[in-house]
Amino acid sequence: MAGSTRRPPRRSAGRAQPEFIAAADFKATCLELMDRVRETRTEYVVTKHGRPVAKLVPYAEPDQKPLLGSMKGTVLKYDRPFDPIDGDYDINR
């Protein structure tokens, strides 16, 4: 198959279903498909012998919490913060 180029299937507008692509076609057009997923948010299901084995989906950045206030609500109860620590503690160690 030298010289022949395979094209990934085109996705029609307004379709919510992922496109199915054979593993051999995916292998031949992997980089192009990754670009298309990034640019158009298209999803692909890779099949082997007609059975789904993998799904190529757009990456979503996790929501980042702001640093200040990120620990709010993590201390359940701390009534007397200035009481001494339980047990014997030698300050001159």
N, C-alpha and C. Protein backbone atom coordinates (compact mmCIF):
# COMPACT_ATOMS: atom_id res chain seq x y z
N MET A 1 0.81 -1.20 0.00
CA MET A 1 0.00 0.00 0.00
C MET A 1 0.85 1.25 0.00
N ALA A 2 2.04 1.17 -0.47
CA ALA A 2 2.89 2.34 -0.51
C ALA A 2 2.29 3.37 -1.44
N GLY A 3 2.31 4.61 -0.99
CA GLY A 3 1.79 5.70 -1.81
C GLY A 3 0.33 6.00 -1.56
N SER A 4 -0.45 5.06 -1.03
CA SER A 4 -1.85 5.35 -0.76
C SER A 4 -1.98 5.97 0.63
N THR A 5 -2.85 6.93 0.74
CA THR A 5 -3.08 7.57 2.03
C THR A 5 -4.51 7.32 2.44
N ARG A 6 -4.68 6.97 3.67
CA ARG A 6 -6.02 6.75 4.20
C ARG A 6 -6.49 8.01 4.88
N ARG A 7 -7.72 8.31 4.70
CA ARG A 7 -8.31 9.47 5.34
C ARG A 7 -9.26 9.00 6.44
N PRO A 8 -9.23 9.67 7.60
CA PRO A 8 -10.17 9.30 8.64
C PRO A 8 -11.58 9.72 8.24
N PRO A 9 -12.59 9.06 8.79
CA PRO A 9 -13.96 9.40 8.42
C PRO A 9 -14.30 10.82 8.85
N ARG A 10 -15.08 11.49 8.03
CA ARG A 10 -15.53 12.85 8.35
C ARG A 10 -16.74 12.78 9.25
N ARG A 11 -16.82 13.69 10.16
CA ARG A 11 -17.95 13.74 11.09
C ARG A 11 -18.94 14.79 10.59
N SER A 12 -20.19 14.40 10.50
CA SER A 12 -21.19 15.36 10.04
C SER A 12 -21.60 16.26 11.19
N ALA A 13 -21.97 17.49 10.87
CA ALA A 13 -22.32 18.48 11.88
C ALA A 13 -23.59 18.07 12.62
N GLY A 14 -23.62 18.35 13.91
CA GLY A 14 -24.79 18.09 14.70
C GLY A 14 -24.95 16.67 15.18
N ARG A 15 -23.98 15.82 14.92
CA ARG A 15 -24.06 14.43 15.35
C ARG A 15 -23.38 14.26 16.70
N ALA A 16 -24.08 13.68 17.66
CA ALA A 16 -23.53 13.53 19.00
C ALA A 16 -22.85 12.18 19.19
N GLN A 17 -23.07 11.23 18.31
CA GLN A 17 -22.49 9.90 18.43
C GLN A 17 -21.02 9.92 18.04
N PRO A 18 -20.19 9.13 18.72
CA PRO A 18 -18.78 9.04 18.32
C PRO A 18 -18.65 8.29 17.00
N GLU A 19 -17.59 8.58 16.27
CA GLU A 19 -17.29 7.88 15.03
C GLU A 19 -16.57 6.58 15.35
N PHE A 20 -16.86 5.53 14.62
CA PHE A 20 -16.17 4.25 14.77
C PHE A 20 -15.11 4.14 13.69
N ILE A 21 -13.94 3.68 14.08
CA ILE A 21 -12.84 3.55 13.13
C ILE A 21 -12.08 2.26 13.43
N ALA A 22 -11.75 1.52 12.38
CA ALA A 22 -11.01 0.27 12.53
C ALA A 22 -9.60 0.56 13.04
N ALA A 23 -9.05 -0.38 13.79
CA ALA A 23 -7.73 -0.20 14.37
C ALA A 23 -6.66 0.07 13.31
N ALA A 24 -6.75 -0.60 12.17
CA ALA A 24 -5.77 -0.38 11.11
C ALA A 24 -5.86 1.04 10.56
N ASP A 25 -7.08 1.53 10.38
CA ASP A 25 -7.26 2.92 9.91
C ASP A 25 -6.80 3.91 10.97
N PHE A 26 -7.08 3.60 12.23
CA PHE A 26 -6.62 4.47 13.33
C PHE A 26 -5.11 4.56 13.34
N LYS A 27 -4.45 3.41 13.17
CA LYS A 27 -2.99 3.38 13.17
C LYS A 27 -2.42 4.24 12.05
N ALA A 28 -3.05 4.19 10.89
CA ALA A 28 -2.56 4.94 9.73
C ALA A 28 -2.81 6.44 9.86
N THR A 29 -3.80 6.86 10.65
CA THR A 29 -4.18 8.28 10.71
C THR A 29 -4.20 8.83 12.13
N CYS A 30 -3.49 8.19 13.03
CA CYS A 30 -3.54 8.54 14.45
C CYS A 30 -3.26 10.01 14.72
N LEU A 31 -2.18 10.55 14.19
CA LEU A 31 -1.83 11.95 14.47
C LEU A 31 -2.87 12.92 13.93
N GLU A 32 -3.39 12.64 12.76
CA GLU A 32 -4.44 13.48 12.19
C GLU A 32 -5.71 13.43 13.04
N LEU A 33 -6.04 12.23 13.51
CA LEU A 33 -7.22 12.09 14.36
C LEU A 33 -7.06 12.84 15.67
N MET A 34 -5.87 12.78 16.27
CA MET A 34 -5.64 13.51 17.51
C MET A 34 -5.79 15.01 17.31
N ASP A 35 -5.29 15.52 16.19
CA ASP A 35 -5.47 16.94 15.88
C ASP A 35 -6.95 17.28 15.74
N ARG A 36 -7.68 16.42 15.05
CA ARG A 36 -9.11 16.67 14.84
C ARG A 36 -9.87 16.65 16.17
N VAL A 37 -9.52 15.73 17.05
CA VAL A 37 -10.17 15.65 18.37
C VAL A 37 -9.91 16.93 19.15
N ARG A 38 -8.67 17.40 19.13
CA ARG A 38 -8.33 18.63 19.84
C ARG A 38 -9.06 19.84 19.28
N GLU A 39 -9.13 19.95 17.97
CA GLU A 39 -9.72 21.13 17.33
C GLU A 39 -11.24 21.13 17.32
N THR A 40 -11.84 19.97 17.07
CA THR A 40 -13.30 19.93 16.89
C THR A 40 -14.05 19.20 17.99
N ARG A 41 -13.30 18.65 18.98
CA ARG A 41 -13.91 17.90 20.10
C ARG A 41 -14.64 16.64 19.62
N THR A 42 -14.24 16.11 18.47
CA THR A 42 -14.81 14.88 17.93
C THR A 42 -14.34 13.69 18.76
N GLU A 43 -15.18 12.68 18.91
CA GLU A 43 -14.80 11.47 19.62
C GLU A 43 -14.76 10.30 18.64
N TYR A 44 -13.82 9.39 18.86
CA TYR A 44 -13.68 8.20 18.01
C TYR A 44 -13.63 6.96 18.88
N VAL A 45 -14.27 5.91 18.41
CA VAL A 45 -14.20 4.60 19.04
C VAL A 45 -13.39 3.71 18.10
N VAL A 46 -12.30 3.15 18.61
CA VAL A 46 -11.42 2.29 17.81
C VAL A 46 -11.92 0.85 17.97
N THR A 47 -12.07 0.16 16.83
CA THR A 47 -12.57 -1.21 16.86
C THR A 47 -11.54 -2.18 16.31
N LYS A 48 -11.60 -3.41 16.82
CA LYS A 48 -10.81 -4.52 16.28
C LYS A 48 -11.80 -5.63 15.98
N HIS A 49 -11.82 -6.05 14.75
CA HIS A 49 -12.75 -7.09 14.31
C HIS A 49 -14.20 -6.71 14.62
N GLY A 50 -14.50 -5.42 14.50
CA GLY A 50 -15.85 -4.93 14.69
C GLY A 50 -16.27 -4.70 16.13
N ARG A 51 -15.39 -4.97 17.09
CA ARG A 51 -15.71 -4.78 18.50
C ARG A 51 -14.95 -3.58 19.06
N PRO A 52 -15.63 -2.71 19.79
CA PRO A 52 -14.96 -1.53 20.38
C PRO A 52 -13.88 -1.95 21.39
N VAL A 53 -12.70 -1.32 21.28
CA VAL A 53 -11.62 -1.62 22.22
C VAL A 53 -11.05 -0.38 22.89
N ALA A 54 -11.22 0.78 22.29
CA ALA A 54 -10.67 2.01 22.87
C ALA A 54 -11.48 3.20 22.39
N LYS A 55 -11.36 4.30 23.12
CA LYS A 55 -12.08 5.52 22.75
C LYS A 55 -11.11 6.69 22.82
N LEU A 56 -11.09 7.49 21.77
CA LEU A 56 -10.27 8.69 21.70
C LEU A 56 -11.18 9.87 21.94
N VAL A 57 -10.98 10.56 23.06
CA VAL A 57 -11.85 11.68 23.44
C VAL A 57 -11.01 12.91 23.75
N PRO A 58 -11.60 14.10 23.69
CA PRO A 58 -10.85 15.31 24.02
C PRO A 58 -10.45 15.33 25.49
N TYR A 59 -9.29 15.86 25.77
CA TYR A 59 -8.81 15.98 27.14
C TYR A 59 -9.42 17.22 27.76
N ALA A 60 -9.90 17.08 28.99
CA ALA A 60 -10.47 18.22 29.71
C ALA A 60 -9.58 18.51 30.91
N GLU A 61 -9.11 19.75 31.01
CA GLU A 61 -8.28 20.15 32.14
C GLU A 61 -9.11 20.07 33.41
N PRO A 62 -8.55 19.52 34.50
CA PRO A 62 -9.30 19.49 35.75
C PRO A 62 -9.45 20.90 36.32
N ASP A 63 -10.56 21.12 36.99
CA ASP A 63 -10.77 22.43 37.62
C ASP A 63 -9.74 22.61 38.73
N GLN A 64 -9.09 23.77 38.73
CA GLN A 64 -8.08 24.06 39.73
C GLN A 64 -8.69 24.96 40.81
N LYS A 65 -8.53 24.54 42.07
CA LYS A 65 -9.01 25.35 43.18
C LYS A 65 -7.97 26.43 43.48
N PRO A 66 -8.41 27.60 43.91
CA PRO A 66 -7.44 28.62 44.30
C PRO A 66 -6.69 28.16 45.56
N LEU A 67 -5.45 28.58 45.71
CA LEU A 67 -4.64 28.17 46.84
C LEU A 67 -5.22 28.68 48.15
N LEU A 68 -5.57 29.96 48.20
CA LEU A 68 -6.14 30.52 49.41
C LEU A 68 -7.55 29.99 49.61
N GLY A 69 -7.79 29.42 50.77
CA GLY A 69 -9.10 28.88 51.08
C GLY A 69 -9.28 27.44 50.65
N SER A 70 -8.25 26.82 50.10
CA SER A 70 -8.40 25.45 49.60
C SER A 70 -8.56 24.42 50.73
N MET A 71 -8.15 24.76 51.95
CA MET A 71 -8.27 23.84 53.09
C MET A 71 -9.52 24.12 53.92
N LYS A 72 -10.34 25.07 53.49
CA LYS A 72 -11.54 25.43 54.24
C LYS A 72 -12.44 24.21 54.43
N GLY A 73 -12.86 23.99 55.68
CA GLY A 73 -13.75 22.88 55.98
C GLY A 73 -13.06 21.55 56.21
N THR A 74 -11.73 21.52 56.23
CA THR A 74 -11.04 20.25 56.41
C THR A 74 -10.82 19.90 57.88
N VAL A 75 -10.82 20.91 58.79
CA VAL A 75 -10.71 20.65 60.23
C VAL A 75 -12.12 20.47 60.76
N LEU A 76 -12.39 19.29 61.30
CA LEU A 76 -13.74 19.00 61.73
C LEU A 76 -14.09 19.66 63.06
N LYS A 77 -13.18 19.58 64.06
CA LYS A 77 -13.47 20.18 65.35
C LYS A 77 -12.15 20.43 66.07
N TYR A 78 -11.96 21.65 66.53
CA TYR A 78 -10.76 22.01 67.26
C TYR A 78 -11.14 23.14 68.20
N ASP A 79 -11.65 22.75 69.38
CA ASP A 79 -12.22 23.73 70.30
C ASP A 79 -11.19 24.62 70.98
N ARG A 80 -10.06 24.05 71.40
CA ARG A 80 -9.10 24.82 72.20
C ARG A 80 -7.71 24.71 71.56
N PRO A 81 -7.42 25.53 70.57
CA PRO A 81 -6.16 25.40 69.84
C PRO A 81 -4.91 25.77 70.64
N PHE A 82 -5.04 26.50 71.75
CA PHE A 82 -3.87 26.95 72.48
C PHE A 82 -3.56 26.10 73.71
N ASP A 83 -4.32 25.02 73.91
CA ASP A 83 -4.03 24.10 75.02
C ASP A 83 -2.75 23.32 74.69
N PRO A 84 -2.03 22.88 75.74
CA PRO A 84 -0.81 22.09 75.48
C PRO A 84 -1.13 20.77 74.79
N ILE A 85 -0.14 20.24 74.09
CA ILE A 85 -0.27 18.97 73.40
C ILE A 85 -0.33 17.86 74.45
N ASP A 86 -1.17 16.85 74.24
CA ASP A 86 -1.24 15.72 75.16
C ASP A 86 0.10 15.00 75.20
N GLY A 87 0.47 14.50 76.39
CA GLY A 87 1.70 13.75 76.54
C GLY A 87 2.82 14.63 77.03
N ASP A 88 3.91 14.01 77.35
CA ASP A 88 5.08 14.73 77.86
C ASP A 88 5.91 15.24 76.69
N TYR A 89 6.13 16.52 76.68
CA TYR A 89 6.94 17.13 75.64
C TYR A 89 7.99 18.00 76.30
N ASP A 90 9.24 17.72 76.06
CA ASP A 90 10.33 18.48 76.68
C ASP A 90 10.78 19.54 75.69
N ILE A 91 10.58 20.81 76.04
CA ILE A 91 10.93 21.90 75.14
C ILE A 91 12.43 22.07 74.99
N ASN A 92 13.21 21.55 75.94
CA ASN A 92 14.67 21.72 75.91
C ASN A 92 15.38 20.53 75.25
N ARG A 93 14.72 19.73 74.51
CA ARG A 93 15.36 18.59 73.84
C ARG A 93 16.41 19.00 72.88
